[in-house]
């Protein structure tokens, strides 16, 4: 279980970086008033795939450590719910990709931004009780 915890802990930085890259590529397409490039679409897919993988790892970790959660159970459940919301928003990107090229770029940019905000909230505000260091590895 320690390996799963380590992977889950370190992957958050990769996911955050992928989210920022996806956001910047969508922002560039929106500001340039052009369609999303292949690299932007690929980064969106990789970001969604890594978020799904991260959620699955977190779910395994939550189930595996259910008994020893103690006072942290509420925080872990809130973290899982916030990450589920971020994942749901990210996976609904296909629903908002219809329309003009500029509109699609804008919508994808907002989807990625919303998912990044939810991930940051889930990591910092929701999942960590007072006094816990979130930047410790």
N, C-alpha and C. Protein backbone atom coordinates (compact mmCIF):
# COMPACT_ATOMS: atom_id res chain seq x y z
N UNK A 1 0.83 -1.20 0.00
CA UNK A 1 0.00 0.00 0.00
C UNK A 1 0.87 1.26 0.00
N UNK A 2 2.09 1.13 0.52
CA UNK A 2 2.98 2.30 0.52
C UNK A 2 3.36 2.72 -0.89
N UNK A 3 3.53 1.74 -1.80
CA UNK A 3 3.85 2.05 -3.18
C UNK A 3 2.70 2.82 -3.84
N UNK A 4 1.49 2.38 -3.59
CA UNK A 4 0.32 3.07 -4.14
C UNK A 4 0.23 4.49 -3.60
N UNK A 5 0.48 4.64 -2.32
CA UNK A 5 0.45 5.97 -1.71
C UNK A 5 1.53 6.88 -2.30
N UNK A 6 2.71 6.32 -2.52
CA UNK A 6 3.81 7.11 -3.10
C UNK A 6 3.48 7.53 -4.53
N UNK A 7 2.97 6.59 -5.32
CA UNK A 7 2.59 6.91 -6.70
C UNK A 7 1.50 7.98 -6.71
N UNK A 8 0.50 7.82 -5.86
CA UNK A 8 -0.60 8.78 -5.80
C UNK A 8 -0.09 10.17 -5.38
N UNK A 9 0.84 10.19 -4.47
CA UNK A 9 1.38 11.46 -3.98
C UNK A 9 2.23 12.17 -5.03
N UNK A 10 3.07 11.44 -5.73
CA UNK A 10 3.97 12.06 -6.70
C UNK A 10 3.28 12.38 -8.02
N UNK A 11 2.26 11.62 -8.38
CA UNK A 11 1.55 11.87 -9.64
C UNK A 11 0.79 13.18 -9.65
N UNK A 12 0.48 13.71 -8.48
CA UNK A 12 -0.29 14.97 -8.47
C UNK A 12 0.47 16.10 -9.15
N UNK A 13 1.80 16.08 -9.07
CA UNK A 13 2.58 17.12 -9.72
C UNK A 13 2.59 16.95 -11.23
N UNK A 14 2.63 15.71 -11.68
CA UNK A 14 2.56 15.44 -13.12
C UNK A 14 1.21 15.87 -13.67
N UNK A 15 0.16 15.55 -12.93
CA UNK A 15 -1.19 15.92 -13.36
C UNK A 15 -1.36 17.43 -13.36
N UNK A 16 -0.84 18.09 -12.36
CA UNK A 16 -0.93 19.55 -12.31
C UNK A 16 -0.18 20.16 -13.51
N UNK A 17 0.99 19.64 -13.82
CA UNK A 17 1.75 20.12 -14.97
C UNK A 17 1.01 19.86 -16.29
N UNK A 18 0.42 18.69 -16.44
CA UNK A 18 -0.36 18.39 -17.63
C UNK A 18 -1.57 19.32 -17.76
N UNK A 19 -2.19 19.63 -16.64
CA UNK A 19 -3.31 20.57 -16.66
C UNK A 19 -2.89 21.96 -17.09
N UNK A 20 -1.75 22.41 -16.60
CA UNK A 20 -1.25 23.73 -16.98
C UNK A 20 -0.90 23.76 -18.47
N UNK A 21 -0.25 22.70 -18.96
CA UNK A 21 0.10 22.63 -20.39
C UNK A 21 -1.17 22.65 -21.24
N UNK A 22 -2.16 21.86 -20.86
CA UNK A 22 -3.43 21.82 -21.60
C UNK A 22 -4.10 23.18 -21.59
N UNK A 23 -4.09 23.84 -20.44
CA UNK A 23 -4.70 25.16 -20.33
C UNK A 23 -4.00 26.17 -21.24
N UNK A 24 -2.68 26.16 -21.22
CA UNK A 24 -1.91 27.11 -22.04
C UNK A 24 -2.15 26.87 -23.53
N UNK A 25 -2.20 25.61 -23.95
CA UNK A 25 -2.45 25.31 -25.36
C UNK A 25 -3.87 25.73 -25.78
N UNK A 26 -4.84 25.52 -24.91
CA UNK A 26 -6.21 25.96 -25.21
C UNK A 26 -6.30 27.49 -25.21
N UNK A 27 -5.62 28.12 -24.29
CA UNK A 27 -5.60 29.58 -24.23
C UNK A 27 -4.96 30.16 -25.50
N UNK A 28 -3.87 29.55 -25.96
CA UNK A 28 -3.21 30.02 -27.19
C UNK A 28 -4.15 29.89 -28.39
N UNK A 29 -4.89 28.79 -28.46
CA UNK A 29 -5.84 28.61 -29.56
C UNK A 29 -6.97 29.63 -29.47
N UNK A 30 -7.44 29.88 -28.25
CA UNK A 30 -8.53 30.83 -28.08
C UNK A 30 -8.10 32.25 -28.42
N UNK A 31 -6.95 32.66 -27.91
CA UNK A 31 -6.46 34.01 -28.19
C UNK A 31 -6.08 34.19 -29.65
N UNK A 32 -5.63 33.12 -30.29
CA UNK A 32 -5.28 33.18 -31.71
C UNK A 32 -6.49 33.01 -32.61
N UNK A 33 -7.66 32.77 -32.00
CA UNK A 33 -8.93 32.60 -32.74
C UNK A 33 -8.79 31.51 -33.81
N UNK A 34 -8.26 30.37 -33.37
CA UNK A 34 -8.12 29.24 -34.28
C UNK A 34 -8.57 27.95 -33.57
N UNK A 35 -8.67 26.90 -34.34
CA UNK A 35 -9.07 25.61 -33.78
C UNK A 35 -7.96 25.04 -32.90
N UNK A 36 -8.34 24.12 -32.04
CA UNK A 36 -7.35 23.47 -31.20
C UNK A 36 -6.40 22.65 -32.06
N UNK A 37 -5.14 22.74 -31.76
CA UNK A 37 -4.13 21.99 -32.52
C UNK A 37 -4.16 20.52 -32.08
N UNK A 38 -3.47 19.69 -32.85
CA UNK A 38 -3.38 18.28 -32.49
C UNK A 38 -2.68 18.09 -31.15
N UNK A 39 -1.69 18.93 -30.89
CA UNK A 39 -0.98 18.82 -29.62
C UNK A 39 -1.89 19.22 -28.46
N UNK A 40 -2.77 20.20 -28.67
CA UNK A 40 -3.71 20.58 -27.61
C UNK A 40 -4.71 19.46 -27.35
N UNK A 41 -5.21 18.85 -28.41
CA UNK A 41 -6.15 17.74 -28.24
C UNK A 41 -5.48 16.55 -27.58
N UNK A 42 -4.23 16.28 -27.95
CA UNK A 42 -3.48 15.19 -27.33
C UNK A 42 -3.22 15.48 -25.85
N UNK A 43 -2.86 16.70 -25.52
CA UNK A 43 -2.62 17.04 -24.12
C UNK A 43 -3.90 16.94 -23.29
N UNK A 44 -5.03 17.30 -23.88
CA UNK A 44 -6.31 17.15 -23.18
C UNK A 44 -6.61 15.67 -22.92
N UNK A 45 -6.35 14.83 -23.90
CA UNK A 45 -6.60 13.39 -23.72
C UNK A 45 -5.67 12.79 -22.66
N UNK A 46 -4.40 13.16 -22.71
CA UNK A 46 -3.45 12.63 -21.74
C UNK A 46 -3.80 13.13 -20.34
N UNK A 47 -4.19 14.39 -20.23
CA UNK A 47 -4.59 14.94 -18.94
C UNK A 47 -5.79 14.19 -18.39
N UNK A 48 -6.79 13.92 -19.22
CA UNK A 48 -7.98 13.19 -18.77
C UNK A 48 -7.61 11.75 -18.39
N UNK A 49 -6.74 11.13 -19.16
CA UNK A 49 -6.32 9.77 -18.86
C UNK A 49 -5.56 9.70 -17.54
N UNK A 50 -4.66 10.63 -17.32
CA UNK A 50 -3.89 10.64 -16.07
C UNK A 50 -4.78 10.97 -14.87
N UNK A 51 -5.75 11.85 -15.06
CA UNK A 51 -6.70 12.15 -13.97
C UNK A 51 -7.52 10.90 -13.62
N UNK A 52 -7.94 10.15 -14.63
CA UNK A 52 -8.70 8.93 -14.40
C UNK A 52 -7.84 7.90 -13.67
N UNK A 53 -6.60 7.76 -14.11
CA UNK A 53 -5.65 6.85 -13.46
C UNK A 53 -5.42 7.26 -12.01
N UNK A 54 -5.25 8.54 -11.78
CA UNK A 54 -5.02 9.05 -10.43
C UNK A 54 -6.23 8.81 -9.54
N UNK A 55 -7.43 9.00 -10.08
CA UNK A 55 -8.64 8.77 -9.30
C UNK A 55 -8.76 7.29 -8.94
N UNK A 56 -8.44 6.41 -9.89
CA UNK A 56 -8.51 4.97 -9.61
C UNK A 56 -7.51 4.57 -8.53
N UNK A 57 -6.30 5.11 -8.59
CA UNK A 57 -5.31 4.83 -7.56
C UNK A 57 -5.79 5.35 -6.20
N UNK A 58 -6.36 6.55 -6.20
CA UNK A 58 -6.88 7.11 -4.95
C UNK A 58 -8.03 6.30 -4.38
N UNK A 59 -8.86 5.77 -5.25
CA UNK A 59 -9.99 4.95 -4.80
C UNK A 59 -9.49 3.65 -4.19
N UNK A 60 -8.48 3.03 -4.82
CA UNK A 60 -7.87 1.82 -4.24
C UNK A 60 -7.26 2.14 -2.88
N UNK A 61 -6.61 3.26 -2.80
CA UNK A 61 -5.99 3.67 -1.54
C UNK A 61 -7.05 3.94 -0.48
N UNK A 62 -8.13 4.60 -0.84
CA UNK A 62 -9.21 4.89 0.10
C UNK A 62 -9.83 3.61 0.63
N UNK A 63 -10.11 2.67 -0.25
CA UNK A 63 -10.71 1.40 0.17
C UNK A 63 -9.72 0.59 1.02
N UNK A 64 -8.47 0.57 0.60
CA UNK A 64 -7.46 -0.19 1.34
C UNK A 64 -7.15 0.35 2.72
N UNK A 65 -7.33 1.63 2.90
CA UNK A 65 -7.02 2.25 4.20
C UNK A 65 -8.27 2.73 4.94
N UNK A 66 -9.40 2.15 4.61
CA UNK A 66 -10.64 2.58 5.22
C UNK A 66 -10.62 2.40 6.74
N UNK A 67 -10.10 1.27 7.21
CA UNK A 67 -10.13 0.96 8.63
C UNK A 67 -9.18 1.83 9.45
N UNK A 68 -8.04 2.19 8.90
CA UNK A 68 -7.07 2.95 9.69
C UNK A 68 -7.15 4.46 9.45
N UNK A 69 -8.26 4.92 8.88
CA UNK A 69 -8.39 6.34 8.58
C UNK A 69 -8.60 7.17 9.84
N UNK A 70 -9.38 6.67 10.77
CA UNK A 70 -9.63 7.40 12.01
C UNK A 70 -10.24 8.76 11.75
N UNK A 71 -9.60 9.79 12.29
CA UNK A 71 -10.10 11.17 12.15
C UNK A 71 -9.93 11.70 10.72
N UNK A 72 -9.09 11.06 9.93
CA UNK A 72 -8.84 11.53 8.57
C UNK A 72 -9.88 11.04 7.56
N UNK A 73 -10.80 10.17 7.99
CA UNK A 73 -11.75 9.60 7.04
C UNK A 73 -12.60 10.68 6.38
N UNK A 74 -13.09 11.63 7.16
CA UNK A 74 -13.89 12.70 6.58
C UNK A 74 -13.10 13.48 5.54
N UNK A 75 -11.86 13.79 5.84
CA UNK A 75 -11.03 14.53 4.91
C UNK A 75 -10.74 13.72 3.64
N UNK A 76 -10.52 12.43 3.81
CA UNK A 76 -10.27 11.58 2.64
C UNK A 76 -11.51 11.47 1.75
N UNK A 77 -12.67 11.36 2.37
CA UNK A 77 -13.91 11.30 1.59
C UNK A 77 -14.18 12.62 0.87
N UNK A 78 -13.93 13.73 1.53
CA UNK A 78 -14.10 15.04 0.89
C UNK A 78 -13.12 15.20 -0.27
N UNK A 79 -11.90 14.74 -0.07
CA UNK A 79 -10.89 14.79 -1.13
C UNK A 79 -11.35 13.95 -2.33
N UNK A 80 -11.83 12.75 -2.06
CA UNK A 80 -12.29 11.88 -3.13
C UNK A 80 -13.47 12.49 -3.89
N UNK A 81 -14.39 13.11 -3.18
CA UNK A 81 -15.54 13.73 -3.82
C UNK A 81 -15.12 14.91 -4.68
N UNK A 82 -14.21 15.73 -4.18
CA UNK A 82 -13.73 16.88 -4.94
C UNK A 82 -12.98 16.42 -6.20
N UNK A 83 -12.20 15.37 -6.08
CA UNK A 83 -11.49 14.84 -7.25
C UNK A 83 -12.46 14.21 -8.24
N UNK A 84 -13.53 13.60 -7.73
CA UNK A 84 -14.56 13.04 -8.62
C UNK A 84 -15.24 14.16 -9.41
N UNK A 85 -15.49 15.29 -8.76
CA UNK A 85 -16.06 16.44 -9.47
C UNK A 85 -15.11 16.95 -10.55
N UNK A 86 -13.82 17.04 -10.22
CA UNK A 86 -12.83 17.50 -11.21
C UNK A 86 -12.78 16.54 -12.39
N UNK A 87 -12.84 15.25 -12.11
CA UNK A 87 -12.81 14.25 -13.17
C UNK A 87 -14.07 14.31 -14.02
N UNK A 88 -15.22 14.50 -13.39
CA UNK A 88 -16.48 14.60 -14.13
C UNK A 88 -16.49 15.81 -15.05
N UNK A 89 -16.01 16.94 -14.55
CA UNK A 89 -15.95 18.15 -15.38
C UNK A 89 -15.02 17.91 -16.57
N UNK A 90 -13.90 17.29 -16.32
CA UNK A 90 -12.93 17.05 -17.38
C UNK A 90 -13.47 16.08 -18.43
N UNK A 91 -14.19 15.07 -18.00
CA UNK A 91 -14.73 14.10 -18.96
C UNK A 91 -15.95 14.61 -19.71
N UNK A 92 -16.50 15.72 -19.31
CA UNK A 92 -17.61 16.31 -20.05
C UNK A 92 -17.13 17.26 -21.14
N UNK A 93 -15.84 17.26 -21.41
CA UNK A 93 -15.30 18.18 -22.41
C UNK A 93 -15.86 17.91 -23.80
N UNK A 94 -16.20 16.67 -24.10
CA UNK A 94 -16.78 16.35 -25.40
C UNK A 94 -18.14 16.99 -25.61
N UNK A 95 -18.86 17.16 -24.52
CA UNK A 95 -20.18 17.79 -24.59
C UNK A 95 -20.09 19.26 -24.98
N UNK A 96 -19.00 19.91 -24.57
CA UNK A 96 -18.86 21.33 -24.84
C UNK A 96 -17.92 21.61 -26.00
N UNK A 97 -17.60 20.59 -26.78
CA UNK A 97 -16.67 20.81 -27.89
C UNK A 97 -17.37 21.04 -29.22
N UNK A 98 -18.67 21.10 -29.19
CA UNK A 98 -19.41 21.34 -30.43
C UNK A 98 -19.53 22.84 -30.67
N UNK A 99 -19.49 23.22 -31.91
CA UNK A 99 -19.62 24.63 -32.24
C UNK A 99 -18.42 25.13 -33.02
N UNK A 100 -18.23 26.42 -32.96
CA UNK A 100 -17.12 27.03 -33.71
C UNK A 100 -15.78 26.67 -33.09
N UNK A 101 -14.72 26.86 -33.85
CA UNK A 101 -13.38 26.54 -33.39
C UNK A 101 -12.98 27.39 -32.19
N UNK A 102 -13.32 28.68 -32.24
CA UNK A 102 -12.98 29.57 -31.13
C UNK A 102 -13.81 29.21 -29.89
N UNK A 103 -15.07 28.89 -30.11
CA UNK A 103 -15.92 28.49 -28.99
C UNK A 103 -15.45 27.20 -28.34
N UNK A 104 -15.02 26.27 -29.16
CA UNK A 104 -14.48 25.01 -28.63
C UNK A 104 -13.22 25.26 -27.83
N UNK A 105 -12.32 26.09 -28.34
CA UNK A 105 -11.09 26.40 -27.61
C UNK A 105 -11.41 27.08 -26.28
N UNK A 106 -12.37 28.00 -26.30
CA UNK A 106 -12.78 28.68 -25.06
C UNK A 106 -13.36 27.68 -24.07
N UNK A 107 -14.24 26.83 -24.55
CA UNK A 107 -14.88 25.86 -23.66
C UNK A 107 -13.87 24.88 -23.07
N UNK A 108 -12.94 24.40 -23.89
CA UNK A 108 -11.92 23.48 -23.38
C UNK A 108 -11.02 24.17 -22.36
N UNK A 109 -10.71 25.44 -22.62
CA UNK A 109 -9.89 26.21 -21.69
C UNK A 109 -10.61 26.33 -20.34
N UNK A 110 -11.91 26.60 -20.36
CA UNK A 110 -12.68 26.72 -19.13
C UNK A 110 -12.84 25.38 -18.42
N UNK A 111 -12.99 24.30 -19.18
CA UNK A 111 -13.08 22.97 -18.58
C UNK A 111 -11.79 22.63 -17.86
N UNK A 112 -10.67 22.85 -18.51
CA UNK A 112 -9.37 22.55 -17.90
C UNK A 112 -9.13 23.44 -16.68
N UNK A 113 -9.45 24.72 -16.80
CA UNK A 113 -9.28 25.63 -15.66
C UNK A 113 -10.13 25.20 -14.48
N UNK A 114 -11.38 24.81 -14.72
CA UNK A 114 -12.26 24.36 -13.65
C UNK A 114 -11.70 23.10 -12.99
N UNK A 115 -11.21 22.16 -13.80
CA UNK A 115 -10.67 20.93 -13.22
C UNK A 115 -9.40 21.22 -12.41
N UNK A 116 -8.57 22.13 -12.89
CA UNK A 116 -7.36 22.49 -12.13
C UNK A 116 -7.74 23.13 -10.80
N UNK A 117 -8.71 24.02 -10.81
CA UNK A 117 -9.16 24.66 -9.57
C UNK A 117 -9.69 23.62 -8.59
N UNK A 118 -10.49 22.69 -9.09
CA UNK A 118 -11.02 21.64 -8.21
C UNK A 118 -9.92 20.74 -7.67
N UNK A 119 -8.93 20.44 -8.48
CA UNK A 119 -7.81 19.62 -8.01
C UNK A 119 -7.04 20.36 -6.92
N UNK A 120 -6.75 21.63 -7.15
CA UNK A 120 -6.01 22.40 -6.14
C UNK A 120 -6.83 22.51 -4.85
N UNK A 121 -8.14 22.74 -4.97
CA UNK A 121 -8.99 22.78 -3.78
C UNK A 121 -9.01 21.43 -3.07
N UNK A 122 -9.09 20.37 -3.84
CA UNK A 122 -9.12 19.04 -3.26
C UNK A 122 -7.84 18.67 -2.55
N UNK A 123 -6.72 19.15 -3.06
CA UNK A 123 -5.44 18.84 -2.43
C UNK A 123 -5.19 19.73 -1.22
N UNK A 124 -5.44 21.01 -1.36
CA UNK A 124 -5.03 21.94 -0.30
C UNK A 124 -6.11 22.19 0.74
N UNK A 125 -7.29 22.55 0.34
CA UNK A 125 -8.31 22.99 1.28
C UNK A 125 -9.07 21.83 1.89
N UNK A 126 -9.52 20.92 1.05
CA UNK A 126 -10.42 19.88 1.52
C UNK A 126 -9.69 18.73 2.19
N UNK A 127 -8.63 18.24 1.60
CA UNK A 127 -8.06 16.98 2.07
C UNK A 127 -7.12 17.12 3.26
N UNK A 128 -6.66 18.29 3.55
CA UNK A 128 -5.67 18.41 4.62
C UNK A 128 -6.24 19.14 5.84
N UNK A 129 -6.31 18.45 6.96
CA UNK A 129 -6.75 19.13 8.19
C UNK A 129 -5.69 20.11 8.66
N UNK A 130 -6.08 20.95 9.59
CA UNK A 130 -5.16 21.97 10.09
C UNK A 130 -3.90 21.32 10.66
N UNK A 131 -2.76 21.87 10.25
CA UNK A 131 -1.49 21.40 10.78
C UNK A 131 -0.80 20.35 9.94
N UNK A 132 -1.40 19.91 8.83
CA UNK A 132 -0.78 18.90 7.99
C UNK A 132 -0.03 19.59 6.87
N UNK A 133 1.21 19.19 6.62
CA UNK A 133 2.04 19.78 5.58
C UNK A 133 1.71 19.14 4.24
N UNK A 134 1.16 19.91 3.30
CA UNK A 134 0.76 19.34 2.01
C UNK A 134 1.92 19.22 1.05
N UNK A 135 3.01 19.93 1.29
CA UNK A 135 4.11 19.89 0.34
C UNK A 135 5.19 18.89 0.74
N UNK A 136 5.00 18.19 1.85
CA UNK A 136 5.95 17.16 2.23
C UNK A 136 5.76 15.92 1.39
N UNK A 137 6.84 15.29 1.05
CA UNK A 137 6.75 14.09 0.21
C UNK A 137 6.77 12.86 1.07
